[in-house]
Protein backbone atom coordinates (compact mmCIF):
# COMPACT_ATOMS: atom_id res chain seq x y z
CA MET A 1 -14.84 -5.97 9.43
CA ASN A 2 -11.10 -6.39 9.80
CA LYS A 3 -9.71 -2.90 9.32
CA SER A 4 -5.99 -2.93 8.88
CA PRO A 5 -4.22 -0.27 10.98
CA LYS A 6 -1.21 -0.40 8.70
CA CYS A 7 -3.12 1.68 6.18
CA LYS A 8 -2.99 4.70 8.48
CA THR A 9 0.82 4.83 8.61
CA ILE A 10 1.09 6.39 5.15
CA SER A 11 0.20 10.03 4.64
CA PHE A 12 -0.14 12.14 1.52
CA ASN A 13 0.50 15.76 0.84
CA LYS A 14 -1.93 17.72 -1.38
CA SER A 15 -0.19 16.67 -4.60
CA LEU A 16 -0.70 12.98 -3.71
CA SER A 17 3.02 12.30 -3.45
CA PHE A 18 4.12 10.10 -0.59
CA ASP A 19 5.37 11.51 2.68
CA ARG A 20 7.30 9.16 4.99
CA SER A 21 6.88 11.44 8.01
CA GLY A 22 4.05 9.25 9.35
CA THR A 23 6.11 6.07 9.05
CA ASN A 24 7.63 4.61 12.20
CA GLU A 25 11.36 5.21 11.70
CA THR A 26 12.36 2.08 13.66
CA GLU A 27 10.20 -0.08 11.39
CA TYR A 28 11.50 1.75 8.32
CA SER A 29 15.12 1.19 9.37
CA LYS A 30 14.48 -2.47 10.25
CA ALA A 31 12.91 -3.18 6.86
CA HIS A 32 15.41 -1.01 5.03
CA ASN A 33 18.23 -3.31 6.13
CA THR A 34 16.62 -6.67 5.28
CA LYS A 35 17.22 -7.24 1.55
CA ASP A 36 18.92 -5.54 -1.37
CA GLU A 37 15.72 -5.53 -3.43
CA LEU A 38 13.77 -3.95 -0.60
CA LYS A 39 16.48 -1.33 -0.07
CA LYS A 40 16.49 -0.54 -3.80
CA ASP A 41 12.69 -0.21 -3.82
CA LEU A 42 12.58 2.06 -0.78
CA ASN A 43 15.33 4.23 -2.24
CA SER A 44 13.40 4.54 -5.50
CA GLY A 45 10.18 5.82 -3.94
CA TYR A 46 8.30 2.79 -2.60
CA VAL A 47 6.78 3.17 0.85
CA LEU A 48 6.19 0.37 3.33
CA THR A 49 2.51 -0.41 3.76
CA ASP A 50 2.79 -3.55 5.90
CA ILE A 51 6.13 -4.53 7.44
CA ASP A 52 4.64 -7.60 9.14
CA ASN A 53 3.44 -9.09 5.87
CA GLY A 54 6.42 -9.76 3.60
CA ASN A 55 7.58 -6.13 3.69
CA GLN A 56 4.64 -5.10 1.55
CA ARG A 57 5.35 -1.85 -0.23
CA ALA A 58 3.72 0.46 -2.75
CA LEU A 59 4.86 2.84 -5.46
CA PHE A 60 2.60 5.69 -6.53
CA LEU A 61 2.53 6.02 -10.34
CA SER A 62 -0.53 8.23 -10.81
CA LYS A 63 -3.77 9.17 -9.07
CA ASN A 64 -5.20 5.73 -9.93
CA VAL A 65 -2.18 3.49 -10.56
CA PHE A 66 0.08 1.85 -7.98
CA ILE A 67 2.62 -0.96 -7.94
CA TYR A 68 2.43 -3.24 -4.90
CA LYS A 69 5.14 -5.75 -3.96
CA GLU A 70 5.77 -8.19 -1.14
CA GLU A 71 7.75 -11.34 -0.45
CA ILE A 72 5.73 -14.52 0.08
CA ASN A 73 7.54 -17.81 0.76
CA GLY A 74 10.79 -16.41 -0.59
CA GLU A 75 9.25 -15.09 -3.83
CA THR A 76 8.55 -11.48 -4.71
CA HIS A 77 4.97 -10.89 -5.80
CA GLU A 78 4.35 -7.71 -7.78
CA MET A 79 1.15 -6.25 -9.14
CA VAL A 80 0.31 -3.06 -11.05
CA ILE A 81 -3.15 -1.93 -9.97
CA ASP A 82 -5.23 0.69 -11.78
CA THR A 83 -8.15 1.52 -9.49
CA SER A 84 -10.10 2.98 -12.43
CA LYS A 85 -10.19 -0.50 -14.02
CA ILE A 86 -11.21 -2.69 -11.07
CA ASN A 87 -14.43 -3.16 -9.14
CA CYS A 88 -13.55 -1.11 -6.06
CA ASP A 89 -16.41 -2.52 -3.94
CA GLU A 90 -15.09 -6.04 -4.56
CA ALA A 91 -11.49 -4.90 -4.00
CA VAL A 92 -12.17 -3.74 -0.43
CA MET A 93 -14.19 -6.80 0.62
CA GLY A 94 -12.96 -8.22 3.91
CA PHE A 95 -11.51 -4.88 5.00
CA TYR A 96 -14.35 -2.36 4.56
CA LYS A 97 -18.10 -2.39 3.85
CA ASN A 98 -17.69 -0.77 0.45
CA GLU A 99 -15.75 1.75 -1.63
CA SER A 100 -17.71 4.66 -0.14
CA GLU A 101 -16.48 3.85 3.36
CA VAL A 102 -12.87 3.94 2.16
CA ARG A 103 -13.38 7.22 0.30
CA GLU A 104 -15.01 8.80 3.35
CA GLU A 105 -12.24 7.68 5.69
CA TYR A 106 -9.19 8.35 3.50
CA GLY A 107 -10.24 11.10 1.10
CA GLU A 108 -7.56 11.70 -1.54
CA ALA A 109 -5.60 8.65 -0.34
CA ALA A 110 -8.54 6.28 -0.94
CA ASN A 111 -7.22 4.92 -4.25
CA MET A 112 -4.03 3.73 -2.58
CA ILE A 113 -6.02 1.96 0.14
CA ILE A 114 -8.32 0.38 -2.45
CA ALA A 115 -5.27 -0.80 -4.42
CA GLU A 116 -3.74 -2.27 -1.26
CA CYS A 117 -6.94 -4.16 -0.44
CA TYR A 118 -7.08 -5.47 -4.02
CA PHE A 119 -3.45 -6.61 -3.79
CA GLU A 120 -4.02 -8.36 -0.46
CA ASN A 121 -7.14 -10.09 -1.73
CA ASN A 122 -5.38 -11.31 -4.88
CA THR A 123 -1.95 -12.51 -3.70
């Protein structure tokens, strides 16, 4: 399986809010200065999830709901993902064996990882 190391750069505190302390500050600064839309998103609570792939970023809305965005060929692709309404085993295909593996590895942060996999498999 192709596990994506980018997933491990985001950490959560107990309340499931995002904490940028695990983010590489050089990468954050580099991405932060690329585009006005990206700067606006990062200032409004988005976190970078994959700087090498169109400055992919995520916004935590609730325990199950996330907004993912990235630029592909000059266009911004955006998706609202509710992990309670998707097939999580299908969502993680190509990255993990199944939903259980993700939940074991990431615990409370599993829904964000599942949403990221779904986004990457559908953009």
